[in-house]
Every structure is written in C-alpha cells, then in structure tokens.
C-alpha atoms as a PDB file:
ATOM      1  CA  UNK A   1       0.000   0.000   0.000  1.00  0.00           C
ATOM      2  CA  UNK A   2       2.831   2.375   0.872  1.00  0.00           C
ATOM      3  CA  UNK A   3       4.512   1.842  -2.497  1.00  0.00           C
ATOM      4  CA  UNK A   4       1.174   2.440  -4.260  1.00  0.00           C
ATOM      5  CA  UNK A   5       0.707   5.764  -2.469  1.00  0.00           C
ATOM      6  CA  UNK A   6       4.273   6.818  -3.279  1.00  0.00           C
ATOM      7  CA  UNK A   7       3.658   6.001  -6.950  1.00  0.00           C
ATOM      8  CA  UNK A   8       0.400   7.932  -6.919  1.00  0.00           C
ATOM      9  CA  UNK A   9       1.789  11.135  -5.436  1.00  0.00           C
ATOM     10  CA  UNK A  10       3.618  12.370  -8.573  1.00  0.00           C
ATOM     11  CA  UNK A  11       0.453  11.880 -10.632  1.00  0.00           C
ATOM     12  CA  UNK A  12      -1.585  13.834  -8.092  1.00  0.00           C
ATOM     13  CA  UNK A  13       0.986  16.611  -8.172  1.00  0.00           C
ATOM     14  CA  UNK A  14       0.761  16.785 -11.969  1.00  0.00           C
ATOM     15  CA  UNK A  15      -3.036  16.912 -11.831  1.00  0.00           C
ATOM     16  CA  UNK A  16      -2.985  19.670  -9.213  1.00  0.00           C
ATOM     17  CA  UNK A  17      -0.354  21.636 -11.105  1.00  0.00           C
ATOM     18  CA  UNK A  18      -2.292  21.262 -14.328  1.00  0.00           C
ATOM     19  CA  UNK A  19      -5.456  22.364 -12.595  1.00  0.00           C
ATOM     20  CA  UNK A  20      -3.669  25.421 -11.300  1.00  0.00           C
ATOM     21  CA  UNK A  21      -2.506  26.331 -14.789  1.00  0.00           C
ATOM     22  CA  UNK A  22      -6.026  25.936 -16.180  1.00  0.00           C
ATOM     23  CA  UNK A  23      -7.445  27.980 -13.285  1.00  0.00           C
ATOM     24  CA  UNK A  24      -5.003  30.790 -13.987  1.00  0.00           C
ATOM     25  CA  UNK A  25      -5.446  30.687 -17.759  1.00  0.00           C
ATOM     26  CA  UNK A  26      -9.230  30.757 -17.532  1.00  0.00           C
ATOM     27  CA  UNK A  27      -9.692  33.364 -14.776  1.00  0.00           C
ATOM     28  CA  UNK A  28     -10.811  30.747 -12.293  1.00  0.00           C
ATOM     29  CA  UNK A  29     -12.616  28.580 -14.837  1.00  0.00           C
ATOM     30  CA  UNK A  30     -14.811  31.536 -15.872  1.00  0.00           C
ATOM     31  CA  UNK A  31     -13.319  32.131 -19.333  1.00  0.00           C
ATOM     32  CA  UNK A  32     -12.293  29.185 -21.464  1.00  0.00           C
ATOM     33  CA  UNK A  33     -11.293  31.152 -24.558  1.00  0.00           C
ATOM     34  CA  UNK A  34      -9.200  34.220 -25.249  1.00  0.00           C
ATOM     35  CA  UNK A  35     -12.329  36.057 -26.381  1.00  0.00           C
ATOM     36  CA  UNK A  36     -14.141  35.007 -23.207  1.00  0.00           C
ATOM     37  CA  UNK A  37     -11.274  36.344 -21.110  1.00  0.00           C
ATOM     38  CA  UNK A  38     -11.329  39.631 -23.039  1.00  0.00           C
ATOM     39  CA  UNK A  39     -15.037  40.100 -22.383  1.00  0.00           C
ATOM     40  CA  UNK A  40     -14.711  39.155 -18.732  1.00  0.00           C
ATOM     41  CA  UNK A  41     -11.919  41.679 -18.254  1.00  0.00           C
ATOM     42  CA  UNK A  42     -14.004  44.439 -19.827  1.00  0.00           C
ATOM     43  CA  UNK A  43     -17.076  43.579 -17.752  1.00  0.00           C
ATOM     44  CA  UNK A  44     -15.142  43.633 -14.490  1.00  0.00           C
ATOM     45  CA  UNK A  45     -12.752  46.541 -15.113  1.00  0.00           C
ATOM     46  CA  UNK A  46     -14.577  48.826 -17.576  1.00  0.00           C
ATOM     47  CA  UNK A  47     -11.356  50.396 -18.883  1.00  0.00           C
ATOM     48  CA  UNK A  48     -11.272  54.024 -19.978  1.00  0.00           C
ATOM     49  CA  UNK A  49     -10.673  54.359 -23.697  1.00  0.00           C
ATOM     50  CA  UNK A  50      -7.892  56.623 -24.966  1.00  0.00           C
ATOM     51  CA  UNK A  51      -8.862  59.373 -27.359  1.00  0.00           C
ATOM     52  CA  UNK A  52      -8.524  58.163 -30.952  1.00  0.00           C
ATOM     53  CA  UNK A  53      -8.893  60.488 -33.928  1.00  0.00           C
ATOM     54  CA  UNK A  54     -10.475  58.660 -36.864  1.00  0.00           C
ATOM     55  CA  UNK A  55     -11.223  59.581 -40.472  1.00  0.00           C
ATOM     56  CA  UNK A  56     -14.801  58.938 -41.531  1.00  0.00           C
ATOM     57  CA  UNK A  57     -16.205  57.884 -44.905  1.00  0.00           C
ATOM     58  CA  UNK A  58     -16.454  61.532 -46.008  1.00  0.00           C
ATOM     59  CA  UNK A  59     -12.838  62.300 -45.134  1.00  0.00           C
ATOM     60  CA  UNK A  60     -13.797  64.234 -42.010  1.00  0.00           C
ATOM     61  CA  UNK A  61     -12.247  63.906 -38.563  1.00  0.00           C
ATOM     62  CA  UNK A  62     -14.133  61.889 -35.985  1.00  0.00           C
ATOM     63  CA  UNK A  63     -13.225  61.250 -32.345  1.00  0.00           C
ATOM     64  CA  UNK A  64     -13.566  58.031 -30.410  1.00  0.00           C
ATOM     65  CA  UNK A  65     -13.010  57.629 -26.676  1.00  0.00           C
ATOM     66  CA  UNK A  66     -12.993  60.132 -23.846  1.00  0.00           C
ATOM     67  CA  UNK A  67     -13.825  63.489 -25.414  1.00  0.00           C
ATOM     68  CA  UNK A  68     -15.972  66.451 -24.446  1.00  0.00           C
ATOM     69  CA  UNK A  69     -17.730  66.342 -27.819  1.00  0.00           C
ATOM     70  CA  UNK A  70     -19.157  62.862 -27.334  1.00  0.00           C
ATOM     71  CA  UNK A  71     -19.657  62.331 -23.595  1.00  0.00           C
ATOM     72  CA  UNK A  72     -23.405  62.875 -23.983  1.00  0.00           C
ATOM     73  CA  UNK A  73     -23.682  59.839 -26.255  1.00  0.00           C
ATOM     74  CA  UNK A  74     -23.174  56.115 -25.957  1.00  0.00           C
ATOM     75  CA  UNK A  75     -20.981  54.739 -28.737  1.00  0.00           C
ATOM     76  CA  UNK A  76     -21.307  51.254 -30.199  1.00  0.00           C
ATOM     77  CA  UNK A  77     -18.207  50.111 -32.057  1.00  0.00           C
ATOM     78  CA  UNK A  78     -17.664  47.195 -34.417  1.00  0.00           C
ATOM     79  CA  UNK A  79     -14.459  46.448 -36.313  1.00  0.00           C
ATOM     80  CA  UNK A  80     -14.386  45.650 -40.018  1.00  0.00           C
ATOM     81  CA  UNK A  81     -12.388  45.763 -43.203  1.00  0.00           C
ATOM     82  CA  UNK A  82     -14.463  46.593 -46.242  1.00  0.00           C
ATOM     83  CA  UNK A  83     -13.300  43.762 -48.512  1.00  0.00           C
ATOM     84  CA  UNK A  84     -14.266  41.093 -45.965  1.00  0.00           C
ATOM     85  CA  UNK A  85     -16.768  38.832 -47.770  1.00  0.00           C
ATOM     86  CA  UNK A  86     -18.296  37.147 -44.720  1.00  0.00           C
ATOM     87  CA  UNK A  87     -18.504  38.281 -41.098  1.00  0.00           C
ATOM     88  CA  UNK A  88     -18.091  42.009 -41.819  1.00  0.00           C
ATOM     89  CA  UNK A  89     -21.032  41.886 -44.227  1.00  0.00           C
ATOM     90  CA  UNK A  90     -23.119  40.040 -41.635  1.00  0.00           C
ATOM     91  CA  UNK A  91     -22.078  42.619 -39.034  1.00  0.00           C
ATOM     92  CA  UNK A  92     -23.236  45.371 -41.390  1.00  0.00           C
ATOM     93  CA  UNK A  93     -26.679  43.795 -41.670  1.00  0.00           C
ATOM     94  CA  UNK A  94     -26.929  43.454 -37.879  1.00  0.00           C
ATOM     95  CA  UNK A  95     -25.838  47.077 -37.419  1.00  0.00           C
ATOM     96  CA  UNK A  96     -28.583  48.165 -39.815  1.00  0.00           C
ATOM     97  CA  UNK A  97     -31.144  46.326 -37.650  1.00  0.00           C
ATOM     98  CA  UNK A  98     -29.742  47.933 -34.522  1.00  0.00           C
ATOM     99  CA  UNK A  99     -29.755  51.385 -36.136  1.00  0.00           C
ATOM    100  CA  UNK A 100     -33.406  50.963 -37.069  1.00  0.00           C
ATOM    101  CA  UNK A 101     -34.301  49.769 -33.576  1.00  0.00           C
ATOM    102  CA  UNK A 102     -32.616  52.769 -31.961  1.00  0.00           C
ATOM    103  CA  UNK A 103     -34.235  55.192 -34.388  1.00  0.00           C
ATOM    104  CA  UNK A 104     -37.709  53.736 -33.818  1.00  0.00           C
ATOM    105  CA  UNK A 105     -37.227  54.099 -30.052  1.00  0.00           C
ATOM    106  CA  UNK A 106     -36.252  57.760 -30.453  1.00  0.00           C
ATOM    107  CA  UNK A 107     -32.700  57.155 -29.258  1.00  0.00           C
ATOM    108  CA  UNK A 108     -30.899  58.110 -32.452  1.00  0.00           C
ATOM    109  CA  UNK A 109     -29.658  61.402 -31.028  1.00  0.00           C
ATOM    110  CA  UNK A 110     -28.249  59.747 -27.897  1.00  0.00           C
ATOM    111  CA  UNK A 111     -26.382  56.807 -29.435  1.00  0.00           C
ATOM    112  CA  UNK A 112     -23.951  56.563 -32.315  1.00  0.00           C
ATOM    113  CA  UNK A 113     -22.840  53.483 -34.192  1.00  0.00           C
ATOM    114  CA  UNK A 114     -19.332  53.217 -35.617  1.00  0.00           C
ATOM    115  CA  UNK A 115     -17.913  50.573 -37.915  1.00  0.00           C
ATOM    116  CA  UNK A 116     -14.165  51.117 -37.693  1.00  0.00           C
ATOM    117  CA  UNK A 117     -11.745  49.698 -40.235  1.00  0.00           C
ATOM    118  CA  UNK A 118      -8.474  48.316 -38.940  1.00  0.00           C
ATOM    119  CA  UNK A 119      -7.106  48.278 -42.530  1.00  0.00           C
ATOM    120  CA  UNK A 120      -6.388  51.997 -43.113  1.00  0.00           C
ATOM    121  CA  UNK A 121      -3.997  51.335 -46.004  1.00  0.00           C
ATOM    122  CA  UNK A 122      -6.740  49.872 -48.190  1.00  0.00           C
ATOM    123  CA  UNK A 123      -9.945  51.276 -46.687  1.00  0.00           C
ATOM    124  CA  UNK A 124      -9.888  54.827 -47.985  1.00  0.00           C
ATOM    125  CA  UNK A 125     -12.980  57.076 -47.858  1.00  0.00           C
ATOM    126  CA  UNK A 126     -14.087  55.746 -51.240  1.00  0.00           C
ATOM    127  CA  UNK A 127     -14.063  52.130 -50.028  1.00  0.00           C
ATOM    128  CA  UNK A 128     -15.765  53.093 -46.789  1.00  0.00           C
ATOM    129  CA  UNK A 129     -18.514  54.922 -48.678  1.00  0.00           C
ATOM    130  CA  UNK A 130     -19.068  51.793 -50.758  1.00  0.00           C
ATOM    131  CA  UNK A 131     -19.524  49.716 -47.611  1.00  0.00           C
ATOM    132  CA  UNK A 132     -21.818  52.400 -46.190  1.00  0.00           C
ATOM    133  CA  UNK A 133     -23.982  52.457 -49.318  1.00  0.00           C
ATOM    134  CA  UNK A 134     -24.268  48.663 -49.304  1.00  0.00           C
ATOM    135  CA  UNK A 135     -25.560  48.603 -45.735  1.00  0.00           C
ATOM    136  CA  UNK A 136     -27.357  51.934 -45.442  1.00  0.00           C
ATOM    137  CA  UNK A 137     -25.011  53.814 -43.126  1.00  0.00           C
ATOM    138  CA  UNK A 138     -25.811  57.463 -43.867  1.00  0.00           C
ATOM    139  CA  UNK A 139     -23.564  59.070 -41.253  1.00  0.00           C
ATOM    140  CA  UNK A 140     -26.433  60.273 -39.050  1.00  0.00           C
ATOM    141  CA  UNK A 141     -26.643  57.462 -36.493  1.00  0.00           C
ATOM    142  CA  UNK A 142     -24.220  55.039 -38.126  1.00  0.00           C
ATOM    143  CA  UNK A 143     -20.862  56.039 -39.568  1.00  0.00           C
ATOM    144  CA  UNK A 144     -18.003  54.142 -41.213  1.00  0.00           C
ATOM    145  CA  UNK A 145     -14.493  55.277 -40.269  1.00  0.00           C
ATOM    146  CA  UNK A 146     -10.878  54.154 -40.254  1.00  0.00           C
ATOM    147  CA  UNK A 147      -8.188  54.416 -37.643  1.00  0.00           C
ATOM    148  CA  UNK A 148      -5.037  56.337 -38.452  1.00  0.00           C
ATOM    149  CA  UNK A 149      -2.153  54.005 -39.211  1.00  0.00           C
ATOM    150  CA  UNK A 150      -0.098  55.431 -36.366  1.00  0.00           C
ATOM    151  CA  UNK A 151      -2.896  54.685 -33.881  1.00  0.00           C
ATOM    152  CA  UNK A 152      -3.652  51.151 -35.075  1.00  0.00           C
ATOM    153  CA  UNK A 153      -1.625  49.400 -32.373  1.00  0.00           C
ATOM    154  CA  UNK A 154      -3.090  51.636 -29.661  1.00  0.00           C
ATOM    155  CA  UNK A 155      -6.608  50.839 -30.839  1.00  0.00           C
ATOM    156  CA  UNK A 156      -5.947  47.095 -30.894  1.00  0.00           C
ATOM    157  CA  UNK A 157      -4.436  47.161 -27.400  1.00  0.00           C
ATOM    158  CA  UNK A 158      -7.211  49.306 -25.963  1.00  0.00           C
ATOM    159  CA  UNK A 159      -9.985  47.030 -27.216  1.00  0.00           C
ATOM    160  CA  UNK A 160      -8.045  43.778 -26.875  1.00  0.00           C
ATOM    161  CA  UNK A 161      -8.548  43.364 -30.613  1.00  0.00           C
ATOM    162  CA  UNK A 162      -6.815  40.455 -32.308  1.00  0.00           C
ATOM    163  CA  UNK A 163      -6.224  40.834 -36.055  1.00  0.00           C
ATOM    164  CA  UNK A 164      -4.414  38.064 -37.910  1.00  0.00           C
ATOM    165  CA  UNK A 165      -3.660  38.199 -41.631  1.00  0.00           C
ATOM    166  CA  UNK A 166      -4.673  35.104 -43.578  1.00  0.00           C
ATOM    167  CA  UNK A 167      -1.913  35.923 -46.131  1.00  0.00           C
ATOM    168  CA  UNK A 168      -4.545  36.078 -48.881  1.00  0.00           C
ATOM    169  CA  UNK A 169      -5.525  39.703 -48.416  1.00  0.00           C
ATOM    170  CA  UNK A 170      -7.977  38.989 -45.603  1.00  0.00           C
ATOM    171  CA  UNK A 171      -7.981  38.831 -41.827  1.00  0.00           C
ATOM    172  CA  UNK A 172      -9.278  36.853 -38.907  1.00  0.00           C
ATOM    173  CA  UNK A 173     -10.483  39.203 -36.189  1.00  0.00           C
ATOM    174  CA  UNK A 174     -12.846  39.685 -33.260  1.00  0.00           C
ATOM    175  CA  UNK A 175     -16.444  40.060 -34.410  1.00  0.00           C
ATOM    176  CA  UNK A 176     -18.378  41.882 -31.699  1.00  0.00           C
ATOM    177  CA  UNK A 177     -20.186  45.057 -30.697  1.00  0.00           C
ATOM    178  CA  UNK A 178     -18.319  47.131 -28.102  1.00  0.00           C
ATOM    179  CA  UNK A 179     -20.256  49.541 -25.873  1.00  0.00           C
ATOM    180  CA  UNK A 180     -18.490  52.722 -24.750  1.00  0.00           C
ATOM    181  CA  UNK A 181     -20.528  54.668 -22.201  1.00  0.00           C
ATOM    182  CA  UNK A 182     -20.926  58.445 -21.932  1.00  0.00           C
ATOM    183  CA  UNK A 183     -17.822  58.635 -19.747  1.00  0.00           C
ATOM    184  CA  UNK A 184     -15.546  57.016 -22.320  1.00  0.00           C
ATOM    185  CA  UNK A 185     -15.386  53.613 -20.636  1.00  0.00           C
ATOM    186  CA  UNK A 186     -15.591  50.301 -22.464  1.00  0.00           C
ATOM    187  CA  UNK A 187     -18.234  48.519 -20.377  1.00  0.00           C
ATOM    188  CA  UNK A 188     -19.654  45.646 -22.449  1.00  0.00           C
ATOM    189  CA  UNK A 189     -18.921  43.423 -25.445  1.00  0.00           C
ATOM    190  CA  UNK A 190     -21.716  41.636 -27.289  1.00  0.00           C
ATOM    191  CA  UNK A 191     -21.990  39.172 -30.142  1.00  0.00           C
ATOM    192  CA  UNK A 192     -22.895  40.901 -33.406  1.00  0.00           C
ATOM    193  CA  UNK A 193     -26.257  39.141 -33.516  1.00  0.00           C
ATOM    194  CA  UNK A 194     -27.295  40.178 -29.984  1.00  0.00           C
ATOM    195  CA  UNK A 195     -29.342  43.173 -31.146  1.00  0.00           C
ATOM    196  CA  UNK A 196     -31.879  42.865 -28.318  1.00  0.00           C
ATOM    197  CA  UNK A 197     -29.163  42.612 -25.649  1.00  0.00           C
ATOM    198  CA  UNK A 198     -27.343  45.627 -27.040  1.00  0.00           C
ATOM    199  CA  UNK A 199     -30.533  47.657 -27.257  1.00  0.00           C
ATOM    200  CA  UNK A 200     -31.494  46.833 -23.664  1.00  0.00           C
ATOM    201  CA  UNK A 201     -27.997  47.611 -22.402  1.00  0.00           C
ATOM    202  CA  UNK A 202     -28.082  50.994 -24.123  1.00  0.00           C
ATOM    203  CA  UNK A 203     -31.428  51.880 -22.533  1.00  0.00           C
ATOM    204  CA  UNK A 204     -30.162  51.031 -19.036  1.00  0.00           C
ATOM    205  CA  UNK A 205     -27.128  53.290 -19.460  1.00  0.00           C
ATOM    206  CA  UNK A 206     -28.956  56.368 -20.757  1.00  0.00           C
END
C-alpha cells in the first residue's frame, strides 16, 4: 500500500499543477477562450478608452473615446475591413437592424454606431462609402471610419482586438459590438447578432 501511495503522489501533483494552470489561464474557470477572457476583463474593469482620432467615410475627422464632444452619447463600435466577404457583411446587416431599432425608439440622437476599419492602407474614404452604401449607413446614427495608421496598435491594445492576416488579403479578427458609455469607458462586449441585448444595455445606461 505504501509503495502504491508513493507512486500515486507524482500523478496527483501533476493533476494539481495542471489544474492550477487551467485555473489561472481561464480566470478561475470563468473564461475558457481568449475572447471570453477579453469580455470578462471588460465587464469587471470597464477600462477608460484613450482618445482616438479617426477619419470617416467623407474624409472628415471623428473622435472616439474620452472626449468632451461625445460624452453625452453612448458609442457602439464594431471592427471591419471593407473587402471582408463574410462576417463584416453580416455585421453590417446586424448594425442596420440595430440602427433601425434605436431610431424607432427615439434614441438616435443619444447613441452613435461606428464601424471602424483596422485596414487603413486599403480602406480609404471611397471604399468606406461603398460599404456604407451597401448597408445603409448614412452618417447620421451610423458612420463608417478608419483608424489612423499610427494609432492602429493603440486601438488594438485598448480594445483587446486580435487581427491576424490570412496571407490572402484577408484577416481573422474579433467580431463583436463594443459599448463605450458616456464617460468614455468600455463597459460591455456583445456578439454581433445580440441586437436585443445591445438595445437593452443601451437603454439602461442612458
């Protein structure tokens, strides 16, 4: 029996050590994916967003983050690149539904929707206007914009955004709707199809 216990101890140690690694890597078993951990961090910490100066689809300057011009509005942010044939097009359709829902509820002047391109080299105002025309973003409630190349890394770090080139001109990236409250804090992240959840969250924060 003693020899059996001695043989069992190393295995138990490995199991406990492995469990500790999993516990640490998953925030105490609460987040089993990198995206889950990102959303959990945002929910618990609500980080303040740095001020980012964007260029919109008309070539005009637009500000995102803590700024006196926008603290009276909630901002919903999704990330795209205009040549994406799949998820970015689906996200555009979902944003159109959300825009309509907000407008019908009379909240269009208190919320703004931004689709922000993380591919500023290729997504010029002309390309952004094409995406806007396809999905009905007229710049009133919903605007298409691009980050400045020099601020791309800051934007990715601030949102925990992961963008990976597929080496065929496309990207794999986080597909989600990010809610920035009137104080410039990132407070929630939703799936692109969670229009009802986003709408209800907006109403509770106004």
